[in-house]
């Protein structure tokens, strides 16, 4: 926990690429480099764990799931807004794009997203079907597809593209979901997504 706390602060202050393992060691009050490698094989693994820690510390799905004032679609939109509105997390996510060039970490990320995010998406889509705010016969498929597309297809390290290419894909995703009965995207979400993509340097 100390390693992750220090690493998160350094990644946000200096940037992931500019933070070394030695920088992390220097902030750990005598903890050795060997102690870090006992828990994490690499700086990439630390970044992956920091991302998970930030998500579970401020889980947007848990924040909305019990709100009686929102229907299923509104909860889904609000979860996306909360996630994208978390400035520290979106900065970290933008920095984490570089580590997805590591195939093992990429596979772990996809598996983690499927295991964690798919049940949340499925719960809210099924709630939307029940309360009439969504109308889709593909609840399970969309719940599986959303984490896959957003964690793989939208990654410029996997499918190279400019920021404009990535934005265009996101608009395509919104149109596709709308035609499947899940009108997830609205102007506020598109604005947050544009802001996120503007943080990402164009891929060479």
N, C-alpha and C. Protein backbone atom coordinates (compact mmCIF):
# COMPACT_ATOMS: atom_id res chain seq x y z
N UNK A 1 0.83 -1.20 0.00
CA UNK A 1 0.00 0.00 0.00
C UNK A 1 0.87 1.26 0.00
N UNK A 2 1.95 1.22 0.76
CA UNK A 2 2.87 2.37 0.77
C UNK A 2 3.50 2.58 -0.60
N UNK A 3 3.89 1.48 -1.22
CA UNK A 3 4.49 1.58 -2.57
C UNK A 3 3.50 2.20 -3.54
N UNK A 4 2.25 1.76 -3.50
CA UNK A 4 1.24 2.27 -4.43
C UNK A 4 0.91 3.74 -4.13
N UNK A 5 0.84 4.09 -2.87
CA UNK A 5 0.54 5.47 -2.50
C UNK A 5 1.61 6.42 -3.00
N UNK A 6 2.88 6.06 -2.77
CA UNK A 6 4.00 6.89 -3.22
C UNK A 6 4.06 6.93 -4.75
N UNK A 7 3.88 5.78 -5.37
CA UNK A 7 3.95 5.70 -6.84
C UNK A 7 2.87 6.55 -7.48
N UNK A 8 1.65 6.47 -6.95
CA UNK A 8 0.56 7.27 -7.50
C UNK A 8 0.89 8.76 -7.43
N UNK A 9 1.40 9.20 -6.30
CA UNK A 9 1.74 10.62 -6.15
C UNK A 9 2.83 11.02 -7.14
N UNK A 10 3.87 10.19 -7.26
CA UNK A 10 4.97 10.52 -8.17
C UNK A 10 4.53 10.50 -9.64
N UNK A 11 3.71 9.52 -10.01
CA UNK A 11 3.23 9.43 -11.38
C UNK A 11 2.42 10.68 -11.74
N UNK A 12 1.61 11.16 -10.78
CA UNK A 12 0.80 12.35 -11.04
C UNK A 12 1.64 13.62 -11.04
N UNK A 13 2.67 13.66 -10.19
CA UNK A 13 3.51 14.86 -10.11
C UNK A 13 4.51 14.94 -11.26
N UNK A 14 5.20 13.83 -11.53
CA UNK A 14 6.30 13.84 -12.50
C UNK A 14 5.95 13.23 -13.84
N UNK A 15 4.89 12.41 -13.84
CA UNK A 15 4.57 11.64 -15.04
C UNK A 15 5.15 10.24 -14.93
N UNK A 16 4.46 9.28 -15.50
CA UNK A 16 4.92 7.88 -15.43
C UNK A 16 6.29 7.72 -16.07
N UNK A 17 6.47 8.26 -17.27
CA UNK A 17 7.74 8.07 -17.99
C UNK A 17 8.92 8.70 -17.26
N UNK A 18 8.67 9.77 -16.51
CA UNK A 18 9.75 10.48 -15.83
C UNK A 18 10.00 9.99 -14.41
N UNK A 19 9.26 9.00 -13.98
CA UNK A 19 9.44 8.43 -12.64
C UNK A 19 10.19 7.11 -12.75
N UNK A 20 11.26 6.97 -12.00
CA UNK A 20 12.03 5.72 -11.99
C UNK A 20 11.73 4.92 -10.73
N UNK A 21 12.10 3.65 -10.76
CA UNK A 21 11.97 2.82 -9.55
C UNK A 21 12.78 3.45 -8.41
N UNK A 22 13.95 4.01 -8.74
CA UNK A 22 14.78 4.64 -7.70
C UNK A 22 14.06 5.85 -7.09
N UNK A 23 13.33 6.60 -7.90
CA UNK A 23 12.54 7.71 -7.37
C UNK A 23 11.54 7.21 -6.32
N UNK A 24 10.93 6.08 -6.62
CA UNK A 24 9.95 5.51 -5.69
C UNK A 24 10.64 5.06 -4.42
N UNK A 25 11.78 4.37 -4.57
CA UNK A 25 12.55 3.91 -3.41
C UNK A 25 12.93 5.09 -2.52
N UNK A 26 13.35 6.18 -3.12
CA UNK A 26 13.80 7.35 -2.36
C UNK A 26 12.71 7.95 -1.49
N UNK A 27 11.44 7.69 -1.85
CA UNK A 27 10.31 8.25 -1.10
C UNK A 27 9.74 7.28 -0.06
N UNK A 28 10.38 6.10 0.06
CA UNK A 28 9.79 5.05 0.89
C UNK A 28 10.49 4.86 2.24
N UNK A 29 11.26 5.84 2.67
CA UNK A 29 11.84 5.83 4.02
C UNK A 29 12.57 4.53 4.34
N UNK A 30 13.54 4.20 3.50
CA UNK A 30 14.39 3.06 3.82
C UNK A 30 13.97 1.74 3.23
N UNK A 31 12.79 1.68 2.61
CA UNK A 31 12.38 0.44 1.94
C UNK A 31 13.29 0.21 0.74
N UNK A 32 13.77 -0.99 0.56
CA UNK A 32 14.77 -1.26 -0.48
C UNK A 32 14.13 -1.51 -1.83
N UNK A 33 14.96 -1.43 -2.86
CA UNK A 33 14.49 -1.76 -4.21
C UNK A 33 14.04 -3.22 -4.26
N UNK A 34 14.76 -4.08 -3.50
CA UNK A 34 14.37 -5.49 -3.44
C UNK A 34 12.98 -5.69 -2.88
N UNK A 35 12.62 -4.84 -1.91
CA UNK A 35 11.28 -4.95 -1.32
C UNK A 35 10.21 -4.61 -2.36
N UNK A 36 10.51 -3.63 -3.21
CA UNK A 36 9.56 -3.29 -4.28
C UNK A 36 9.41 -4.46 -5.24
N UNK A 37 10.54 -5.03 -5.64
CA UNK A 37 10.48 -6.13 -6.61
C UNK A 37 9.91 -7.41 -6.00
N UNK A 38 9.83 -7.46 -4.67
CA UNK A 38 9.16 -8.59 -4.02
C UNK A 38 7.66 -8.55 -4.33
N UNK A 39 7.11 -7.33 -4.45
CA UNK A 39 5.68 -7.16 -4.70
C UNK A 39 5.34 -6.95 -6.17
N UNK A 40 6.23 -6.29 -6.89
CA UNK A 40 5.96 -5.95 -8.29
C UNK A 40 7.18 -6.28 -9.15
N UNK A 41 6.93 -6.89 -10.31
CA UNK A 41 8.04 -7.29 -11.17
C UNK A 41 8.63 -6.11 -11.94
N UNK A 42 7.85 -5.04 -12.10
CA UNK A 42 8.30 -3.92 -12.93
C UNK A 42 7.52 -2.65 -12.60
N UNK A 43 8.00 -1.54 -13.11
CA UNK A 43 7.28 -0.27 -12.96
C UNK A 43 5.92 -0.35 -13.65
N UNK A 44 5.84 -1.10 -14.75
CA UNK A 44 4.57 -1.27 -15.46
C UNK A 44 3.53 -1.94 -14.57
N UNK A 45 3.96 -2.94 -13.81
CA UNK A 45 3.03 -3.62 -12.91
C UNK A 45 2.55 -2.68 -11.81
N UNK A 46 3.46 -1.81 -11.34
CA UNK A 46 3.07 -0.82 -10.33
C UNK A 46 1.99 0.09 -10.91
N UNK A 47 2.20 0.55 -12.13
CA UNK A 47 1.22 1.44 -12.77
C UNK A 47 -0.13 0.74 -12.90
N UNK A 48 -0.12 -0.52 -13.28
CA UNK A 48 -1.35 -1.29 -13.42
C UNK A 48 -2.08 -1.37 -12.08
N UNK A 49 -1.33 -1.64 -11.01
CA UNK A 49 -1.91 -1.75 -9.68
C UNK A 49 -2.41 -0.39 -9.17
N UNK A 50 -1.69 0.68 -9.50
CA UNK A 50 -2.12 2.03 -9.12
C UNK A 50 -3.47 2.35 -9.77
N UNK A 51 -3.62 1.98 -11.04
CA UNK A 51 -4.89 2.21 -11.73
C UNK A 51 -6.04 1.48 -11.07
N UNK A 52 -5.81 0.21 -10.69
CA UNK A 52 -6.86 -0.55 -9.98
C UNK A 52 -7.19 0.10 -8.65
N UNK A 53 -6.16 0.53 -7.93
CA UNK A 53 -6.37 1.15 -6.62
C UNK A 53 -7.20 2.42 -6.74
N UNK A 54 -6.91 3.23 -7.73
CA UNK A 54 -7.66 4.48 -7.92
C UNK A 54 -9.11 4.19 -8.27
N UNK A 55 -9.35 3.14 -9.07
CA UNK A 55 -10.72 2.80 -9.45
C UNK A 55 -11.53 2.36 -8.23
N UNK A 56 -10.97 1.44 -7.45
CA UNK A 56 -11.73 0.88 -6.33
C UNK A 56 -11.86 1.86 -5.16
N UNK A 57 -10.94 2.80 -5.07
CA UNK A 57 -11.04 3.82 -4.02
C UNK A 57 -12.19 4.78 -4.31
N UNK A 58 -12.45 5.01 -5.58
CA UNK A 58 -13.49 5.96 -5.98
C UNK A 58 -14.30 5.34 -7.12
N UNK A 59 -14.97 4.23 -6.81
CA UNK A 59 -15.67 3.41 -7.81
C UNK A 59 -16.95 4.12 -8.27
N UNK A 60 -17.00 4.56 -9.53
CA UNK A 60 -18.17 5.32 -10.00
C UNK A 60 -19.44 4.48 -10.08
N UNK A 61 -19.29 3.18 -10.30
CA UNK A 61 -20.48 2.32 -10.39
C UNK A 61 -21.12 2.14 -9.02
N UNK A 62 -20.29 1.97 -8.00
CA UNK A 62 -20.84 1.84 -6.65
C UNK A 62 -21.49 3.14 -6.20
N UNK A 63 -20.98 4.26 -6.70
CA UNK A 63 -21.53 5.56 -6.31
C UNK A 63 -22.94 5.77 -6.84
N UNK A 64 -23.30 5.09 -7.95
CA UNK A 64 -24.61 5.34 -8.56
C UNK A 64 -25.59 4.19 -8.40
N UNK A 65 -25.13 3.00 -8.11
CA UNK A 65 -26.00 1.82 -8.24
C UNK A 65 -27.21 1.85 -7.29
N UNK A 66 -27.10 2.48 -6.13
CA UNK A 66 -28.20 2.49 -5.15
C UNK A 66 -28.99 3.80 -5.16
N UNK A 67 -28.72 4.67 -6.13
CA UNK A 67 -29.43 5.95 -6.15
C UNK A 67 -30.85 5.79 -6.67
N UNK A 68 -31.86 6.04 -5.83
CA UNK A 68 -33.25 5.85 -6.26
C UNK A 68 -33.76 6.93 -7.20
N UNK A 69 -33.02 8.04 -7.30
CA UNK A 69 -33.47 9.15 -8.14
C UNK A 69 -33.10 8.99 -9.60
N UNK A 70 -32.35 7.93 -9.94
CA UNK A 70 -31.89 7.73 -11.31
C UNK A 70 -32.40 6.41 -11.86
N UNK A 71 -32.77 6.40 -13.15
CA UNK A 71 -33.10 5.13 -13.81
C UNK A 71 -31.80 4.47 -14.31
N UNK A 72 -31.93 3.32 -14.94
CA UNK A 72 -30.75 2.56 -15.36
C UNK A 72 -29.85 3.34 -16.31
N UNK A 73 -30.46 3.98 -17.32
CA UNK A 73 -29.66 4.75 -18.28
C UNK A 73 -28.98 5.93 -17.60
N UNK A 74 -29.70 6.62 -16.74
CA UNK A 74 -29.11 7.76 -16.04
C UNK A 74 -27.95 7.33 -15.13
N UNK A 75 -28.09 6.17 -14.49
CA UNK A 75 -27.00 5.65 -13.66
C UNK A 75 -25.77 5.34 -14.51
N UNK A 76 -26.01 4.73 -15.67
CA UNK A 76 -24.90 4.39 -16.55
C UNK A 76 -24.18 5.65 -17.03
N UNK A 77 -24.96 6.64 -17.44
CA UNK A 77 -24.35 7.90 -17.88
C UNK A 77 -23.60 8.58 -16.74
N UNK A 78 -24.21 8.58 -15.56
CA UNK A 78 -23.57 9.24 -14.42
C UNK A 78 -22.27 8.53 -14.02
N UNK A 79 -22.25 7.20 -14.11
CA UNK A 79 -21.02 6.46 -13.81
C UNK A 79 -19.90 6.85 -14.78
N UNK A 80 -20.25 6.99 -16.06
CA UNK A 80 -19.26 7.42 -17.06
C UNK A 80 -18.79 8.84 -16.76
N UNK A 81 -19.73 9.72 -16.43
CA UNK A 81 -19.36 11.11 -16.12
C UNK A 81 -18.45 11.17 -14.89
N UNK A 82 -18.80 10.41 -13.86
CA UNK A 82 -17.97 10.41 -12.64
C UNK A 82 -16.57 9.89 -12.94
N UNK A 83 -16.50 8.83 -13.74
CA UNK A 83 -15.20 8.25 -14.08
C UNK A 83 -14.35 9.24 -14.86
N UNK A 84 -14.94 9.83 -15.91
CA UNK A 84 -14.19 10.76 -16.75
C UNK A 84 -13.96 12.10 -16.06
N UNK A 85 -14.81 12.42 -15.07
CA UNK A 85 -14.66 13.66 -14.34
C UNK A 85 -13.61 13.61 -13.24
N UNK A 86 -13.10 12.40 -12.96
CA UNK A 86 -12.04 12.24 -11.96
C UNK A 86 -10.71 12.61 -12.63
N UNK A 87 -10.26 13.83 -12.42
CA UNK A 87 -9.10 14.35 -13.15
C UNK A 87 -7.84 13.55 -12.91
N UNK A 88 -7.61 13.13 -11.66
CA UNK A 88 -6.41 12.34 -11.36
C UNK A 88 -6.43 11.02 -12.11
N UNK A 89 -7.60 10.38 -12.13
CA UNK A 89 -7.70 9.08 -12.80
C UNK A 89 -7.54 9.21 -14.31
N UNK A 90 -8.15 10.25 -14.90
CA UNK A 90 -8.03 10.39 -16.35
C UNK A 90 -6.59 10.74 -16.74
N UNK A 91 -5.91 11.54 -15.92
CA UNK A 91 -4.49 11.81 -16.20
C UNK A 91 -3.68 10.53 -16.13
N UNK A 92 -3.97 9.69 -15.13
CA UNK A 92 -3.25 8.44 -14.99
C UNK A 92 -3.56 7.50 -16.15
N UNK A 93 -4.82 7.44 -16.56
CA UNK A 93 -5.20 6.58 -17.69
C UNK A 93 -4.50 7.01 -18.97
N UNK A 94 -4.39 8.32 -19.17
CA UNK A 94 -3.70 8.81 -20.36
C UNK A 94 -2.23 8.40 -20.34
N UNK A 95 -1.60 8.47 -19.17
CA UNK A 95 -0.20 8.07 -19.05
C UNK A 95 -0.02 6.56 -19.22
N UNK A 96 -1.05 5.79 -18.82
CA UNK A 96 -0.94 4.33 -18.84
C UNK A 96 -0.99 3.75 -20.24
N UNK A 97 -1.35 4.56 -21.23
CA UNK A 97 -1.45 4.03 -22.59
C UNK A 97 -0.12 3.42 -23.04
N UNK A 98 0.99 4.01 -22.61
CA UNK A 98 2.31 3.51 -23.06
C UNK A 98 2.58 2.10 -22.56
N UNK A 99 2.07 1.72 -21.38
CA UNK A 99 2.39 0.39 -20.85
C UNK A 99 1.60 -0.71 -21.55
N UNK A 100 0.56 -0.33 -22.32
CA UNK A 100 -0.22 -1.36 -23.00
C UNK A 100 0.52 -1.94 -24.20
N UNK A 101 1.74 -1.45 -24.46
CA UNK A 101 2.56 -2.09 -25.48
C UNK A 101 3.17 -3.39 -24.95
N UNK A 102 3.06 -3.61 -23.63
CA UNK A 102 3.49 -4.86 -23.01
C UNK A 102 2.36 -5.87 -23.15
N UNK A 103 2.53 -6.94 -23.97
CA UNK A 103 1.42 -7.85 -24.25
C UNK A 103 0.83 -8.50 -23.00
N UNK A 104 1.69 -8.87 -22.05
CA UNK A 104 1.19 -9.55 -20.85
C UNK A 104 0.29 -8.61 -20.04
N UNK A 105 0.74 -7.36 -19.87
CA UNK A 105 -0.06 -6.40 -19.13
C UNK A 105 -1.35 -6.05 -19.87
N UNK A 106 -1.28 -6.02 -21.19
CA UNK A 106 -2.47 -5.73 -21.99
C UNK A 106 -3.52 -6.82 -21.76
N UNK A 107 -3.10 -8.08 -21.79
CA UNK A 107 -4.02 -9.19 -21.57
C UNK A 107 -4.60 -9.13 -20.15
N UNK A 108 -3.75 -8.83 -19.17
CA UNK A 108 -4.23 -8.72 -17.79
C UNK A 108 -5.25 -7.59 -17.64
N UNK A 109 -5.01 -6.48 -18.33
CA UNK A 109 -5.93 -5.35 -18.28
C UNK A 109 -7.29 -5.74 -18.87
N UNK A 110 -7.26 -6.42 -20.02
CA UNK A 110 -8.51 -6.83 -20.67
C UNK A 110 -9.27 -7.81 -19.77
N UNK A 111 -8.56 -8.76 -19.18
CA UNK A 111 -9.19 -9.74 -18.29
C UNK A 111 -9.77 -9.06 -17.05
N UNK A 112 -9.03 -8.12 -16.47
CA UNK A 112 -9.50 -7.40 -15.29
C UNK A 112 -10.75 -6.58 -15.62
N UNK A 113 -10.73 -5.91 -16.77
CA UNK A 113 -11.89 -5.12 -17.18
C UNK A 113 -13.11 -6.00 -17.39
N UNK A 114 -12.90 -7.17 -18.01
CA UNK A 114 -14.02 -8.10 -18.23
C UNK A 114 -14.58 -8.59 -16.90
N UNK A 115 -13.70 -8.94 -15.99
CA UNK A 115 -14.12 -9.49 -14.70
C UNK A 115 -14.79 -8.44 -13.82
N UNK A 116 -14.29 -7.22 -13.85
CA UNK A 116 -14.79 -6.17 -12.95
C UNK A 116 -15.90 -5.34 -13.59
N UNK A 117 -15.66 -4.86 -14.81
CA UNK A 117 -16.59 -3.90 -15.41
C UNK A 117 -17.82 -4.54 -16.04
N UNK A 118 -17.67 -5.70 -16.67
CA UNK A 118 -18.81 -6.33 -17.34
C UNK A 118 -19.99 -6.54 -16.39
N UNK A 119 -19.80 -7.05 -15.18
CA UNK A 119 -20.96 -7.20 -14.28
C UNK A 119 -21.64 -5.87 -13.94
N UNK A 120 -20.85 -4.81 -13.78
CA UNK A 120 -21.45 -3.49 -13.51
C UNK A 120 -22.29 -3.02 -14.70
N UNK A 121 -21.72 -3.12 -15.90
CA UNK A 121 -22.46 -2.72 -17.09
C UNK A 121 -23.74 -3.55 -17.24
N UNK A 122 -23.62 -4.86 -17.03
CA UNK A 122 -24.78 -5.74 -17.20
C UNK A 122 -25.89 -5.38 -16.21
N UNK A 123 -25.52 -5.13 -14.97
CA UNK A 123 -26.52 -4.78 -13.95
C UNK A 123 -27.30 -3.53 -14.35
N UNK A 124 -26.61 -2.51 -14.83
CA UNK A 124 -27.28 -1.26 -15.16
C UNK A 124 -28.07 -1.35 -16.47
N UNK A 125 -27.55 -2.11 -17.44
CA UNK A 125 -28.30 -2.29 -18.69
C UNK A 125 -29.58 -3.07 -18.42
N UNK A 126 -29.50 -4.11 -17.60
CA UNK A 126 -30.71 -4.88 -17.27
C UNK A 126 -31.69 -4.03 -16.47
N UNK A 127 -31.18 -3.17 -15.59
CA UNK A 127 -32.06 -2.25 -14.87
C UNK A 127 -32.74 -1.30 -15.85
N UNK A 128 -31.98 -0.81 -16.84
CA UNK A 128 -32.57 0.07 -17.85
C UNK A 128 -33.63 -0.62 -18.67
N UNK A 129 -33.40 -1.87 -19.00
CA UNK A 129 -34.43 -2.64 -19.71
C UNK A 129 -35.70 -2.78 -18.86
N UNK A 130 -35.51 -2.98 -17.56
CA UNK A 130 -36.66 -3.17 -16.66
C UNK A 130 -37.45 -1.89 -16.46
N UNK A 131 -36.73 -0.74 -16.35
CA UNK A 131 -37.46 0.50 -16.08
C UNK A 131 -37.84 1.27 -17.36
N UNK A 132 -37.45 0.74 -18.53
CA UNK A 132 -37.86 1.34 -19.80
C UNK A 132 -36.94 2.42 -20.33
N UNK A 133 -35.83 2.69 -19.64
CA UNK A 133 -34.91 3.73 -20.13
C UNK A 133 -33.99 3.19 -21.22
N UNK A 134 -33.89 1.86 -21.33
CA UNK A 134 -33.15 1.21 -22.41
C UNK A 134 -34.01 0.10 -22.98
N UNK A 135 -33.73 -0.23 -24.23
CA UNK A 135 -34.50 -1.28 -24.90
C UNK A 135 -33.55 -2.08 -25.77
N UNK A 136 -32.90 -3.07 -25.18
CA UNK A 136 -31.97 -3.88 -25.97
C UNK A 136 -32.14 -5.36 -25.63
N UNK A 137 -32.00 -6.19 -26.64
CA UNK A 137 -32.01 -7.64 -26.42
C UNK A 137 -30.58 -8.16 -26.31
N UNK A 138 -29.61 -7.24 -26.29
CA UNK A 138 -28.20 -7.63 -26.26
C UNK A 138 -27.50 -7.20 -24.98
N UNK A 139 -28.19 -7.28 -23.84
CA UNK A 139 -27.61 -6.79 -22.58
C UNK A 139 -26.28 -7.46 -22.27
N UNK A 140 -26.23 -8.79 -22.34
CA UNK A 140 -24.98 -9.50 -22.03
C UNK A 140 -23.88 -9.17 -23.02
N UNK A 141 -24.24 -9.14 -24.29
CA UNK A 141 -23.22 -8.88 -25.32
C UNK A 141 -22.64 -7.47 -25.18
N UNK A 142 -23.50 -6.48 -24.94
CA UNK A 142 -23.02 -5.10 -24.80
C UNK A 142 -22.18 -4.96 -23.54
N UNK A 143 -22.58 -5.63 -22.46
CA UNK A 143 -21.82 -5.58 -21.21
C UNK A 143 -20.42 -6.15 -21.39
N UNK A 144 -20.28 -7.14 -22.25
CA UNK A 144 -18.95 -7.70 -22.54
C UNK A 144 -18.19 -6.83 -23.54
N UNK A 145 -18.94 -6.26 -24.50
CA UNK A 145 -18.29 -5.52 -25.59
C UNK A 145 -17.73 -4.18 -25.13
N UNK A 146 -18.44 -3.47 -24.26
CA UNK A 146 -18.00 -2.14 -23.85
C UNK A 146 -16.60 -2.13 -23.23
N UNK A 147 -16.31 -2.98 -22.24
CA UNK A 147 -14.94 -2.98 -21.71
C UNK A 147 -13.91 -3.40 -22.75
N UNK A 148 -14.29 -4.31 -23.64
CA UNK A 148 -13.35 -4.77 -24.66
C UNK A 148 -13.00 -3.66 -25.64
N UNK A 149 -14.02 -2.96 -26.13
CA UNK A 149 -13.76 -1.89 -27.09
C UNK A 149 -13.00 -0.72 -26.46
N UNK A 150 -13.40 -0.35 -25.25
CA UNK A 150 -12.76 0.82 -24.63
C UNK A 150 -11.37 0.49 -24.11
N UNK A 151 -11.07 -0.78 -23.83
CA UNK A 151 -9.74 -1.13 -23.33
C UNK A 151 -8.83 -1.67 -24.42
N UNK A 152 -9.34 -1.89 -25.62
CA UNK A 152 -8.51 -2.47 -26.68
C UNK A 152 -8.63 -1.70 -27.98
N UNK A 153 -9.84 -1.60 -28.50
CA UNK A 153 -10.03 -0.99 -29.81
C UNK A 153 -9.71 0.50 -29.81
N UNK A 154 -9.94 1.17 -28.67
CA UNK A 154 -9.66 2.60 -28.58
C UNK A 154 -8.22 2.91 -28.17
N UNK A 155 -7.41 1.87 -27.98
CA UNK A 155 -6.02 2.10 -27.58
C UNK A 155 -5.14 2.36 -28.80
N UNK A 156 -4.51 3.53 -28.88
CA UNK A 156 -3.66 3.81 -30.04
C UNK A 156 -2.41 2.94 -30.08
N UNK A 157 -2.04 2.35 -28.92
CA UNK A 157 -0.88 1.45 -28.92
C UNK A 157 -1.21 0.11 -29.59
N UNK A 158 -2.50 -0.20 -29.70
CA UNK A 158 -2.94 -1.46 -30.34
C UNK A 158 -3.46 -1.18 -31.75
N UNK A 159 -4.32 -0.18 -31.87
CA UNK A 159 -4.83 0.25 -33.17
C UNK A 159 -4.37 1.69 -33.38
N UNK A 160 -3.22 1.87 -34.01
CA UNK A 160 -2.64 3.22 -34.13
C UNK A 160 -3.60 4.21 -34.78
N UNK A 161 -3.57 5.43 -34.26
CA UNK A 161 -4.42 6.47 -34.82
C UNK A 161 -4.17 7.79 -34.12
N UNK A 162 -4.62 8.85 -34.75
CA UNK A 162 -4.49 10.17 -34.16
C UNK A 162 -5.59 10.38 -33.12
N UNK A 163 -5.51 11.50 -32.41
CA UNK A 163 -6.56 11.83 -31.46
C UNK A 163 -7.91 11.94 -32.17
N UNK A 164 -7.91 12.52 -33.36
CA UNK A 164 -9.17 12.65 -34.10
C UNK A 164 -9.72 11.28 -34.50
N UNK A 165 -8.82 10.35 -34.85
CA UNK A 165 -9.26 8.98 -35.17
C UNK A 165 -9.96 8.36 -33.96
N UNK A 166 -9.36 8.54 -32.77
CA UNK A 166 -9.92 7.95 -31.55
C UNK A 166 -11.26 8.58 -31.21
N UNK A 167 -11.36 9.89 -31.36
CA UNK A 167 -12.64 10.56 -31.11
C UNK A 167 -13.71 10.05 -32.07
N UNK A 168 -13.34 9.86 -33.33
CA UNK A 168 -14.29 9.38 -34.33
C UNK A 168 -14.79 7.98 -33.96
N UNK A 169 -13.87 7.14 -33.46
CA UNK A 169 -14.27 5.80 -33.01
C UNK A 169 -15.27 5.89 -31.87
N UNK A 170 -15.04 6.83 -30.96
CA UNK A 170 -15.93 6.96 -29.82
C UNK A 170 -17.32 7.39 -30.27
N UNK A 171 -17.38 8.28 -31.26
CA UNK A 171 -18.69 8.69 -31.80
C UNK A 171 -19.36 7.52 -32.51
N UNK A 172 -18.58 6.71 -33.20
CA UNK A 172 -19.11 5.49 -33.80
C UNK A 172 -19.70 4.57 -32.73
N UNK A 173 -18.94 4.42 -31.63
CA UNK A 173 -19.41 3.58 -30.53
C UNK A 173 -20.75 4.09 -29.99
N UNK A 174 -20.86 5.42 -29.85
CA UNK A 174 -22.12 6.00 -29.38
C UNK A 174 -23.27 5.72 -30.32
N UNK A 175 -23.04 5.87 -31.63
CA UNK A 175 -24.08 5.59 -32.62
C UNK A 175 -24.48 4.12 -32.61
N UNK A 176 -23.49 3.25 -32.48
CA UNK A 176 -23.76 1.81 -32.47
C UNK A 176 -24.62 1.43 -31.27
N UNK A 177 -24.24 1.95 -30.08
CA UNK A 177 -25.01 1.64 -28.88
C UNK A 177 -26.43 2.17 -28.98
N UNK A 178 -26.58 3.36 -29.55
CA UNK A 178 -27.90 3.96 -29.71
C UNK A 178 -28.79 3.07 -30.56
N UNK A 179 -28.24 2.53 -31.65
CA UNK A 179 -29.01 1.67 -32.55
C UNK A 179 -29.34 0.33 -31.89
N UNK A 180 -28.57 -0.04 -30.85
CA UNK A 180 -28.83 -1.29 -30.13
C UNK A 180 -29.73 -1.08 -28.92
N UNK A 181 -30.24 0.14 -28.76
CA UNK A 181 -31.17 0.40 -27.68
C UNK A 181 -30.55 0.88 -26.39
N UNK A 182 -29.27 1.27 -26.44
CA UNK A 182 -28.58 1.79 -25.26
C UNK A 182 -28.01 3.17 -25.61
N UNK A 183 -28.85 4.23 -25.51
CA UNK A 183 -28.40 5.58 -25.91
C UNK A 183 -27.50 6.20 -24.84
N UNK A 184 -26.34 5.63 -24.66
CA UNK A 184 -25.46 5.99 -23.55
C UNK A 184 -24.87 7.39 -23.66
N UNK A 185 -24.45 7.75 -24.88
CA UNK A 185 -23.69 8.99 -25.03
C UNK A 185 -24.61 10.21 -25.12
N UNK A 186 -24.26 11.25 -24.39
CA UNK A 186 -24.92 12.54 -24.55
C UNK A 186 -23.83 13.62 -24.65
N UNK A 187 -24.24 14.86 -24.77
CA UNK A 187 -23.27 15.94 -25.00
C UNK A 187 -22.25 16.06 -23.87
N UNK A 188 -22.69 15.83 -22.63
CA UNK A 188 -21.75 15.97 -21.51
C UNK A 188 -20.68 14.90 -21.55
N UNK A 189 -21.07 13.69 -21.93
CA UNK A 189 -20.09 12.60 -22.01
C UNK A 189 -19.13 12.84 -23.17
N UNK A 190 -19.67 13.26 -24.32
CA UNK A 190 -18.78 13.55 -25.45
C UNK A 190 -17.79 14.65 -25.10
N UNK A 191 -18.21 15.64 -24.35
CA UNK A 191 -17.30 16.73 -23.96
C UNK A 191 -16.18 16.20 -23.07
N UNK A 192 -16.52 15.31 -22.13
CA UNK A 192 -15.50 14.73 -21.25
C UNK A 192 -14.54 13.84 -22.03
N UNK A 193 -15.07 13.11 -23.00
CA UNK A 193 -14.23 12.24 -23.81
C UNK A 193 -13.27 13.07 -24.67
N UNK A 194 -13.77 14.15 -25.25
CA UNK A 194 -12.90 15.04 -26.03
C UNK A 194 -11.78 15.58 -25.15
N UNK A 195 -12.13 15.96 -23.93
CA UNK A 195 -11.13 16.48 -23.00
C UNK A 195 -10.07 15.43 -22.69
N UNK A 196 -10.51 14.17 -22.51
CA UNK A 196 -9.57 13.09 -22.23
C UNK A 196 -8.62 12.86 -23.40
N UNK A 197 -9.18 12.77 -24.60
CA UNK A 197 -8.33 12.50 -25.76
C UNK A 197 -7.36 13.65 -26.03
N UNK A 198 -7.73 14.85 -25.65
CA UNK A 198 -6.83 15.99 -25.84
C UNK A 198 -5.59 15.90 -24.95
N UNK A 199 -5.66 15.08 -23.89
CA UNK A 199 -4.51 14.88 -23.01
C UNK A 199 -3.49 13.90 -23.60
N UNK A 200 -3.93 13.15 -24.60
CA UNK A 200 -3.09 12.08 -25.14
C UNK A 200 -2.25 12.59 -26.30
N UNK A 201 -0.94 12.39 -26.25
CA UNK A 201 -0.12 12.81 -27.39
C UNK A 201 -0.42 11.93 -28.61
N UNK A 202 -0.35 12.51 -29.79
CA UNK A 202 -0.55 11.71 -31.01
C UNK A 202 0.53 10.64 -31.09
N UNK A 203 0.10 9.46 -31.53
CA UNK A 203 1.03 8.34 -31.66
C UNK A 203 1.85 8.49 -32.94
N UNK A 204 3.13 8.17 -32.79
CA UNK A 204 4.00 8.24 -33.97
C UNK A 204 3.81 7.02 -34.87
